[in-house]
Amino acid sequence: MKSILGSERKDWAYIILPFISGFLMLGIYLFLINVLKLAAFPSILILIIIYSVLFDVNHYFSTYYRVFLDKSYYRENKTWIIPSLTFITIVPMLAFWAVSSDYFWKDSFLFFTFFRRFVLVLGFYHLVKQNWGFMAIYKRNAGEKITKINWDQLSLLSGSFIPLVLINMIDPLWFPDSEKYLFAPEANDLQYILNYWDKLAYLCLFFAMFFGLITIFSKRFQYKLPARNMAFYCLGAGILILSILKYSAKDVLTVILGLLIAIFTISLIQSVRCQLKEKSFNFPKWAVFATTLILYFGILLYPVEGDKSIMVVAITLPHNIQYLAFVPFFSKKQYTSSQKNHGIAKRWSERVIMLFITGIIFSVVFELGRIGTVYILPEEYFSLKNTIAVFFVALILHHYYLDAVIWKFGKDKELSKGIQD
């Protein structure tokens, strides 16, 4: 086994321990409400604050310091870094205003509710893609044969989305206090909400065409590849909404579930067949595969009543831990072999504690902006609160974008060399 974190022991630690941490987080939550008899809201709030500051937003910072604080990288890539940041923060705001013309206070709240779920599902795909990234590196290190259809990736993606579809069939309200208005409206609001969903569907289709045009006419991969993915995602979201409006959520999700199960079964069989043709069994690759699916099935299908925030925390924590381990290690490895001036990024990569503490400071500032304004601003600024919330969720979307382009080993020779050394 060729390690990716310096030693086989460390690799196995970061395959297994983060996976355990997800179940541990759910266990702590259940302990607080069932044994200590704390109410669900303060229990979730305590865990989310600790998780967000120490891990989640901190791992966003690990991306930003590699992009904005790496003097050489920023100078060479600022022609796409700044436009992408501006674009990703402004476009959701434009969409927000586009569907918030009537009854602004109400429409703004409905859009934020939808946008939050839209980004969360995209975030789930982001988690799965990181898991695939580790599998891909282990495949590459083992010299496994490349096939026309990437059966390993297909089986991981389809298998991971099965529990996500199931939880929506079992209980579509992830956050009942806010989502009930959009997903389970009162009878007198039903027609209004149906019309709003129709508006959201066509908004998604518009952006599918918009991103499709970027895909066709852009030559820079930093724009082309993410735009292609977003075009398919927006197209899928638009078709899904229109299909549910025409038929029913139960029927549409049942069809999607059946397709996912079929794809997963076929791709897994093919993955196993391809593995058996190799000279040796790739244990770490399959360990990542198994722990990923056990985590998602175990957490997402656990019958948590009410607010599902703890599930989001539990499935995201392993991703955060692995990312916070991989980025400093790989950055230090890459910067050491480079002759370029990487500035603060290089110095911080050699001082992991300093990097972590700075990330915590960044996290506190981020959370004050994202959540603090909800409690600081008076109730009459309801629409402004939603506007600020949309902006900060857009910043999370920007993190997903950066991760999709800065870790393209096939596009960056220096990056590829670092992973192989």
Protein backbone atom coordinates (compact mmCIF):
# COMPACT_ATOMS: atom_id res chain seq x y z
CA MET A 1 0.00 0.00 0.00
CA LYS A 2 1.38 3.40 -1.02
CA SER A 3 0.17 5.91 1.55
CA ILE A 4 -1.18 9.39 0.84
CA LEU A 5 -0.68 10.86 4.33
CA GLY A 6 2.92 9.81 4.97
CA SER A 7 2.40 6.37 6.48
CA GLU A 8 0.02 3.42 6.23
CA ARG A 9 -0.87 3.80 9.89
CA LYS A 10 -1.94 7.43 9.41
CA ASP A 11 -3.89 6.53 6.27
CA TRP A 12 -5.86 3.87 8.09
CA ALA A 13 -6.44 6.25 11.02
CA TYR A 14 -7.99 8.82 8.70
CA ILE A 15 -10.10 6.20 6.95
CA ILE A 16 -11.54 4.69 10.12
CA LEU A 17 -11.51 7.38 12.86
CA PRO A 18 -13.41 10.08 10.93
CA PHE A 19 -16.04 7.47 10.04
CA ILE A 20 -16.40 6.62 13.75
CA SER A 21 -16.61 10.34 14.61
CA GLY A 22 -19.85 10.68 12.63
CA PHE A 23 -21.60 8.02 14.71
CA LEU A 24 -19.98 9.43 17.85
CA MET A 25 -21.51 12.86 17.14
CA LEU A 26 -24.95 11.30 16.73
CA GLY A 27 -24.36 9.29 19.93
CA ILE A 28 -23.46 12.42 21.93
CA TYR A 29 -26.64 14.11 20.72
CA LEU A 30 -28.77 11.11 21.72
CA PHE A 31 -27.01 11.03 25.11
CA LEU A 32 -27.80 14.71 25.72
CA ILE A 33 -31.51 14.38 24.95
CA ASN A 34 -32.22 10.83 26.19
CA VAL A 35 -29.93 10.51 29.22
CA LEU A 36 -29.31 14.08 30.37
CA LYS A 37 -32.84 15.03 29.25
CA LEU A 38 -31.79 18.26 27.56
CA ALA A 39 -34.18 19.73 25.04
CA ALA A 40 -33.41 18.97 21.39
CA PHE A 41 -32.79 22.60 20.33
CA PRO A 42 -30.07 23.50 22.89
CA SER A 43 -28.45 20.09 22.38
CA ILE A 44 -28.21 20.61 18.62
CA LEU A 45 -27.12 24.23 19.08
CA ILE A 46 -24.24 23.29 21.40
CA LEU A 47 -22.98 20.58 19.06
CA ILE A 48 -23.35 22.73 15.94
CA ILE A 49 -21.40 25.63 17.44
CA ILE A 50 -18.54 23.33 18.50
CA TYR A 51 -18.60 21.45 15.20
CA SER A 52 -18.88 24.55 13.04
CA VAL A 53 -16.10 26.58 14.69
CA LEU A 54 -13.61 23.74 15.23
CA PHE A 55 -14.21 21.77 12.06
CA ASP A 56 -16.69 22.90 9.41
CA VAL A 57 -15.88 26.56 8.74
CA ASN A 58 -12.27 25.81 9.68
CA HIS A 59 -12.07 23.42 6.74
CA TYR A 60 -13.42 26.19 4.46
CA PHE A 61 -10.46 28.26 5.64
CA SER A 62 -8.10 25.43 4.64
CA THR A 63 -9.29 25.97 1.07
CA TYR A 64 -9.06 29.76 1.21
CA TYR A 65 -5.56 29.86 2.62
CA ARG A 66 -4.32 27.66 -0.24
CA VAL A 67 -5.93 29.96 -2.80
CA PHE A 68 -5.75 33.51 -1.42
CA LEU A 69 -2.72 33.34 0.87
CA ASP A 70 -0.46 31.37 -1.46
CA LYS A 71 1.37 34.33 -3.03
CA SER A 72 2.53 32.46 -6.13
CA TYR A 73 -0.74 30.62 -6.75
CA TYR A 74 -2.86 33.75 -6.31
CA ARG A 75 -0.67 35.81 -8.65
CA GLU A 76 -0.85 33.15 -11.36
CA ASN A 77 -4.59 32.47 -11.00
CA LYS A 78 -6.22 35.72 -9.89
CA THR A 79 -7.70 36.17 -13.38
CA TRP A 80 -10.23 33.43 -12.53
CA ILE A 81 -10.20 33.51 -8.70
CA ILE A 82 -11.66 37.02 -8.31
CA PRO A 83 -14.29 36.75 -11.11
CA SER A 84 -15.46 33.37 -9.77
CA LEU A 85 -15.85 34.72 -6.22
CA THR A 86 -17.81 37.71 -7.51
CA PHE A 87 -19.95 35.56 -9.80
CA ILE A 88 -20.81 32.91 -7.19
CA THR A 89 -21.84 35.47 -4.57
CA ILE A 90 -23.82 37.72 -6.92
CA VAL A 91 -25.77 35.11 -8.96
CA PRO A 92 -27.68 33.64 -5.96
CA MET A 93 -28.56 37.19 -4.93
CA LEU A 94 -29.93 37.92 -8.41
CA ALA A 95 -31.97 34.69 -8.29
CA PHE A 96 -33.16 35.71 -4.82
CA TRP A 97 -34.46 39.04 -6.13
CA ALA A 98 -35.93 37.46 -9.27
CA VAL A 99 -38.41 35.30 -7.34
CA SER A 100 -39.06 37.72 -4.47
CA SER A 101 -41.06 40.41 -6.24
CA ASP A 102 -44.43 39.92 -4.50
CA TYR A 103 -44.90 39.74 -0.75
CA PHE A 104 -41.16 40.24 -0.44
CA TRP A 105 -40.84 39.21 3.18
CA LYS A 106 -42.57 35.88 2.50
CA ASP A 107 -40.94 35.15 -0.85
CA SER A 108 -37.49 35.95 0.50
CA PHE A 109 -37.99 33.43 3.29
CA LEU A 110 -39.24 30.76 0.87
CA PHE A 111 -36.28 31.30 -1.45
CA PHE A 112 -33.77 31.03 1.38
CA THR A 113 -35.45 27.80 2.51
CA PHE A 114 -35.20 26.36 -1.00
CA PHE A 115 -31.65 27.66 -1.57
CA ARG A 116 -30.47 26.15 1.71
CA ARG A 117 -31.77 22.71 0.67
CA PHE A 118 -30.41 23.20 -2.87
CA VAL A 119 -26.91 23.86 -1.50
CA LEU A 120 -27.16 21.09 1.11
CA VAL A 121 -27.84 18.45 -1.55
CA LEU A 122 -24.98 19.86 -3.62
CA GLY A 123 -22.89 19.73 -0.44
CA PHE A 124 -23.73 16.04 -0.07
CA TYR A 125 -22.44 15.47 -3.59
CA HIS A 126 -19.34 17.42 -2.51
CA LEU A 127 -18.82 14.98 0.39
CA VAL A 128 -19.20 11.95 -1.86
CA LYS A 129 -16.77 13.41 -4.39
CA GLN A 130 -14.13 13.83 -1.68
CA ASN A 131 -14.61 10.20 -0.70
CA TRP A 132 -14.21 9.31 -4.36
CA GLY A 133 -11.07 11.47 -4.46
CA PHE A 134 -9.41 9.30 -1.81
CA MET A 135 -10.53 6.14 -3.61
CA ALA A 136 -9.13 7.51 -6.88
CA ILE A 137 -5.73 8.24 -5.30
CA TYR A 138 -5.54 4.72 -3.87
CA LYS A 139 -6.50 3.32 -7.30
CA ARG A 140 -3.82 5.43 -8.94
CA ASN A 141 -1.18 4.44 -6.41
CA ALA A 142 -2.03 0.76 -6.94
CA GLY A 143 -1.75 1.17 -10.72
CA GLU A 144 -5.22 -0.22 -11.36
CA LYS A 145 -6.39 -0.48 -14.95
CA ILE A 146 -8.53 2.40 -16.24
CA THR A 147 -11.88 1.33 -17.74
CA LYS A 148 -14.14 3.27 -20.12
CA ILE A 149 -16.86 3.38 -17.48
CA ASN A 150 -15.58 4.22 -14.00
CA TRP A 151 -17.52 1.53 -12.17
CA ASP A 152 -15.99 2.37 -8.77
CA GLN A 153 -17.08 6.00 -8.95
CA LEU A 154 -20.52 5.07 -10.28
CA SER A 155 -21.13 2.54 -7.50
CA LEU A 156 -20.03 5.01 -4.80
CA LEU A 157 -22.19 7.85 -6.16
CA SER A 158 -25.31 5.75 -6.71
CA GLY A 159 -24.93 3.90 -3.41
CA SER A 160 -24.45 7.14 -1.45
CA PHE A 161 -27.56 8.78 -2.89
CA ILE A 162 -29.84 5.82 -2.07
CA PRO A 163 -30.20 6.79 1.64
CA LEU A 164 -30.62 10.46 0.68
CA VAL A 165 -33.61 9.58 -1.50
CA LEU A 166 -34.97 7.26 1.19
CA ILE A 167 -34.90 9.94 3.90
CA ASN A 168 -36.89 12.24 1.61
CA MET A 169 -39.47 9.52 1.10
CA ILE A 170 -39.68 8.79 4.83
CA ASP A 171 -39.60 12.36 6.16
CA PRO A 172 -39.19 15.22 3.67
CA LEU A 173 -39.02 17.89 6.40
CA TRP A 174 -35.37 18.12 7.43
CA PHE A 175 -35.86 21.39 9.33
CA PRO A 176 -39.58 21.49 10.32
CA ASP A 177 -39.61 25.02 11.75
CA SER A 178 -38.74 26.53 8.37
CA GLU A 179 -39.37 23.91 5.69
CA LYS A 180 -42.98 23.13 6.59
CA TYR A 181 -44.10 26.27 4.75
CA LEU A 182 -42.46 25.12 1.51
CA PHE A 183 -42.84 21.32 1.72
CA ALA A 184 -46.07 20.94 3.73
CA PRO A 185 -48.12 24.12 3.25
CA GLU A 186 -51.49 24.80 4.85
CA ALA A 187 -54.54 24.37 2.61
CA ASN A 188 -55.05 28.13 2.21
CA ASP A 189 -51.40 28.56 1.09
CA LEU A 190 -51.27 25.50 -1.16
CA GLN A 191 -51.91 27.20 -4.51
CA TYR A 192 -49.53 30.03 -3.67
CA ILE A 193 -46.74 27.54 -2.77
CA LEU A 194 -47.40 25.42 -5.87
CA ASN A 195 -47.03 28.54 -8.03
CA TYR A 196 -43.83 29.39 -6.19
CA TRP A 197 -42.40 25.90 -6.82
CA ASP A 198 -43.30 26.32 -10.49
CA LYS A 199 -41.36 29.58 -10.50
CA LEU A 200 -38.38 27.87 -8.82
CA ALA A 201 -38.45 25.04 -11.39
CA TYR A 202 -38.18 27.44 -14.32
CA LEU A 203 -35.50 29.41 -12.46
CA CYS A 204 -33.47 26.18 -12.24
CA LEU A 205 -34.01 25.48 -15.95
CA PHE A 206 -32.93 29.02 -16.82
CA PHE A 207 -29.68 28.55 -14.90
CA ALA A 208 -29.20 25.14 -16.53
CA MET A 209 -29.18 26.90 -19.91
CA PHE A 210 -27.02 29.71 -18.54
CA PHE A 211 -24.36 27.34 -17.19
CA GLY A 212 -24.67 25.27 -20.35
CA LEU A 213 -23.67 28.28 -22.43
CA ILE A 214 -20.64 28.85 -20.18
CA THR A 215 -19.71 25.20 -20.71
CA ILE A 216 -19.94 25.55 -24.49
CA PHE A 217 -18.11 28.85 -24.92
CA SER A 218 -15.57 28.83 -22.08
CA LYS A 219 -12.10 27.38 -22.69
CA ARG A 220 -10.77 27.77 -19.13
CA PHE A 221 -11.33 24.55 -17.18
CA GLN A 222 -11.89 26.52 -13.95
CA TYR A 223 -15.11 27.78 -15.57
CA LYS A 224 -15.95 24.97 -17.99
CA LEU A 225 -15.98 21.94 -15.65
CA PRO A 226 -17.90 23.49 -12.71
CA ALA A 227 -20.35 25.14 -15.15
CA ARG A 228 -21.00 21.77 -16.79
CA ASN A 229 -21.70 20.15 -13.41
CA MET A 230 -23.97 23.01 -12.32
CA ALA A 231 -25.83 22.87 -15.64
CA PHE A 232 -26.65 19.19 -15.06
CA TYR A 233 -27.52 19.83 -11.40
CA CYS A 234 -29.86 22.74 -12.18
CA LEU A 235 -31.41 20.75 -15.04
CA GLY A 236 -31.99 17.81 -12.70
CA ALA A 237 -33.48 20.07 -10.01
CA GLY A 238 -35.82 21.75 -12.50
CA ILE A 239 -37.03 18.46 -14.00
CA LEU A 240 -37.44 16.96 -10.52
CA ILE A 241 -39.64 19.85 -9.36
CA LEU A 242 -41.80 19.82 -12.50
CA SER A 243 -42.15 16.02 -12.31
CA ILE A 244 -43.26 16.15 -8.68
CA LEU A 245 -45.74 18.93 -9.47
CA LYS A 246 -47.22 16.88 -12.34
CA TYR A 247 -47.22 13.49 -10.64
CA SER A 248 -46.34 13.16 -6.94
CA ALA A 249 -43.25 13.15 -4.77
CA LYS A 250 -43.83 9.53 -3.79
CA ASP A 251 -44.05 8.27 -7.39
CA VAL A 252 -41.10 10.32 -8.66
CA LEU A 253 -38.82 9.39 -5.75
CA THR A 254 -39.80 5.73 -6.09
CA VAL A 255 -38.68 5.75 -9.74
CA ILE A 256 -35.40 7.52 -8.81
CA LEU A 257 -34.79 5.02 -6.00
CA GLY A 258 -35.33 2.10 -8.35
CA LEU A 259 -32.88 3.53 -10.89
CA LEU A 260 -30.26 4.16 -8.20
CA ILE A 261 -30.56 0.61 -6.84
CA ALA A 262 -30.23 -0.83 -10.36
CA ILE A 263 -27.18 1.34 -11.17
CA PHE A 264 -25.59 0.53 -7.82
CA THR A 265 -26.09 -3.22 -8.23
CA ILE A 266 -24.70 -3.34 -11.78
CA SER A 267 -21.76 -1.01 -11.09
CA LEU A 268 -20.79 -2.79 -7.87
CA ILE A 269 -20.73 -6.17 -9.65
CA GLN A 270 -18.56 -4.66 -12.37
CA SER A 271 -16.27 -3.01 -9.79
CA VAL A 272 -15.72 -6.32 -8.04
CA ARG A 273 -15.06 -8.08 -11.37
CA CYS A 274 -12.45 -5.46 -12.31
CA GLN A 275 -10.81 -5.70 -8.89
CA LEU A 276 -10.50 -9.47 -9.12
CA LYS A 277 -8.54 -9.03 -12.36
CA GLU A 278 -5.90 -6.93 -10.58
CA LYS A 279 -2.73 -8.45 -9.12
CA SER A 280 -3.65 -7.53 -5.56
CA PHE A 281 -6.71 -6.46 -3.59
CA ASN A 282 -6.85 -2.72 -2.92
CA PHE A 283 -7.88 -2.77 0.76
CA PRO A 284 -7.76 1.01 1.46
CA LYS A 285 -9.88 1.80 -1.60
CA TRP A 286 -12.59 -0.61 -0.53
CA ALA A 287 -12.31 0.54 3.09
CA VAL A 288 -13.13 4.11 1.98
CA PHE A 289 -16.03 2.72 -0.08
CA ALA A 290 -17.44 0.63 2.78
CA THR A 291 -17.08 3.24 5.54
CA THR A 292 -18.68 5.88 3.31
CA LEU A 293 -21.80 3.84 2.61
CA ILE A 294 -22.12 2.58 6.20
CA LEU A 295 -21.88 6.17 7.44
CA TYR A 296 -24.51 7.54 5.05
CA PHE A 297 -26.95 4.65 5.47
CA GLY A 298 -26.46 4.54 9.25
CA ILE A 299 -26.80 8.27 9.89
CA LEU A 300 -29.37 9.32 7.29
CA LEU A 301 -31.73 6.44 8.00
CA TYR A 302 -31.53 6.73 11.79
CA PRO A 303 -35.00 7.82 12.96
CA VAL A 304 -34.16 11.26 14.35
CA GLU A 305 -37.38 13.13 15.01
CA GLY A 306 -37.84 16.78 14.14
CA ASP A 307 -34.84 18.88 13.11
CA LYS A 308 -32.29 16.88 11.09
CA SER A 309 -29.36 19.27 11.71
CA ILE A 310 -27.54 16.62 13.74
CA MET A 311 -27.55 14.33 10.68
CA VAL A 312 -25.94 17.05 8.58
CA VAL A 313 -23.28 17.48 11.27
CA ALA A 314 -22.67 13.73 11.63
CA ILE A 315 -22.15 13.02 7.92
CA THR A 316 -20.06 16.16 7.37
CA LEU A 317 -17.69 15.81 10.35
CA PRO A 318 -15.66 12.93 8.81
CA HIS A 319 -15.20 15.01 5.65
CA ASN A 320 -13.96 17.96 7.74
CA ILE A 321 -11.49 15.83 9.72
CA GLN A 322 -10.05 14.18 6.61
CA TYR A 323 -9.78 17.53 4.84
CA LEU A 324 -8.07 19.23 7.80
CA ALA A 325 -5.56 16.35 7.85
CA PHE A 326 -4.96 16.14 4.11
CA VAL A 327 -4.62 19.82 3.19
CA PRO A 328 -1.80 20.83 5.61
CA PHE A 329 0.10 17.58 4.97
CA PHE A 330 -0.15 17.86 1.22
CA SER A 331 0.50 21.62 1.23
CA LYS A 332 3.69 21.19 3.24
CA LYS A 333 4.80 18.40 0.91
CA GLN A 334 4.05 20.46 -2.19
CA TYR A 335 5.58 23.70 -0.93
CA THR A 336 8.77 22.00 0.24
CA SER A 337 9.50 20.67 -3.26
CA SER A 338 8.56 23.95 -4.96
CA GLN A 339 10.95 26.81 -5.78
CA LYS A 340 8.13 29.37 -5.94
CA ASN A 341 7.34 32.01 -3.33
CA HIS A 342 4.22 30.72 -1.58
CA GLY A 343 4.29 33.36 1.17
CA ILE A 344 2.12 32.96 4.26
CA ALA A 345 0.57 29.72 2.98
CA LYS A 346 3.92 27.94 3.10
CA ARG A 347 4.76 29.23 6.59
CA TRP A 348 1.36 28.22 7.95
CA SER A 349 1.55 24.78 6.35
CA GLU A 350 4.65 24.19 8.50
CA ARG A 351 2.80 25.33 11.63
CA VAL A 352 -0.38 23.27 11.71
CA ILE A 353 -1.40 24.58 15.16
CA MET A 354 -1.17 28.18 13.93
CA LEU A 355 -3.19 27.25 10.84
CA PHE A 356 -5.87 25.60 12.98
CA ILE A 357 -6.11 28.56 15.41
CA THR A 358 -6.33 31.05 12.54
CA GLY A 359 -9.06 28.90 11.03
CA ILE A 360 -11.00 29.07 14.31
CA ILE A 361 -10.78 32.89 14.29
CA PHE A 362 -12.03 32.86 10.69
CA SER A 363 -14.85 30.50 11.76
CA VAL A 364 -15.99 32.78 14.59
CA VAL A 365 -16.14 35.79 12.26
CA PHE A 366 -17.96 33.73 9.62
CA GLU A 367 -20.56 32.44 12.07
CA LEU A 368 -21.15 35.90 13.54
CA GLY A 369 -22.00 37.05 10.03
CA ARG A 370 -24.06 34.00 9.09
CA ILE A 371 -25.99 33.38 12.32
CA GLY A 372 -25.30 36.40 14.53
CA THR A 373 -27.27 38.80 12.33
CA VAL A 374 -30.39 36.67 12.82
CA TYR A 375 -30.34 37.52 16.54
CA ILE A 376 -28.83 41.00 16.31
CA LEU A 377 -31.13 42.58 13.70
CA PRO A 378 -34.70 43.48 14.77
CA GLU A 379 -37.68 41.54 13.39
CA GLU A 380 -38.65 44.31 10.97
CA TYR A 381 -35.43 43.57 9.06
CA PHE A 382 -36.71 40.10 8.19
CA SER A 383 -35.92 40.37 4.47
CA LEU A 384 -32.45 41.77 5.16
CA LYS A 385 -31.74 38.78 7.40
CA ASN A 386 -32.67 36.42 4.57
CA THR A 387 -30.53 38.41 2.15
CA ILE A 388 -27.49 38.10 4.43
CA ALA A 389 -28.22 34.40 4.95
CA VAL A 390 -28.33 33.81 1.17
CA PHE A 391 -24.98 35.60 0.82
CA PHE A 392 -23.25 33.41 3.40
CA VAL A 393 -24.74 30.21 1.96
CA ALA A 394 -23.37 31.40 -1.40
CA LEU A 395 -19.91 31.57 0.21
CA ILE A 396 -20.30 27.89 1.12
CA LEU A 397 -21.15 27.29 -2.53
CA HIS A 398 -17.92 29.10 -3.41
CA HIS A 399 -15.98 26.65 -1.23
CA TYR A 400 -17.49 23.76 -3.19
CA TYR A 401 -16.42 25.46 -6.40
CA LEU A 402 -12.83 26.01 -5.27
CA ASP A 403 -12.52 22.40 -4.13
CA ALA A 404 -13.73 21.27 -7.54
CA VAL A 405 -10.94 23.10 -9.37
CA ILE A 406 -7.88 23.36 -7.09
CA TRP A 407 -7.58 19.58 -6.66
CA LYS A 408 -7.64 18.66 -10.36
CA PHE A 409 -4.42 16.64 -10.46
CA GLY A 410 -4.71 16.05 -14.19
CA LYS A 411 -4.84 19.82 -14.83
CA ASP A 412 -2.01 20.89 -12.50
CA LYS A 413 1.43 19.29 -13.06
CA GLU A 414 2.85 20.66 -9.80
CA LEU A 415 -0.14 19.29 -7.88
CA SER A 416 0.16 15.92 -9.61
CA LYS A 417 3.88 15.73 -8.87
CA GLY A 418 3.24 16.42 -5.20
CA ILE A 419 0.79 13.53 -4.82
CA GLN A 420 3.18 11.13 -6.50
CA ASP A 421 6.33 12.05 -4.53
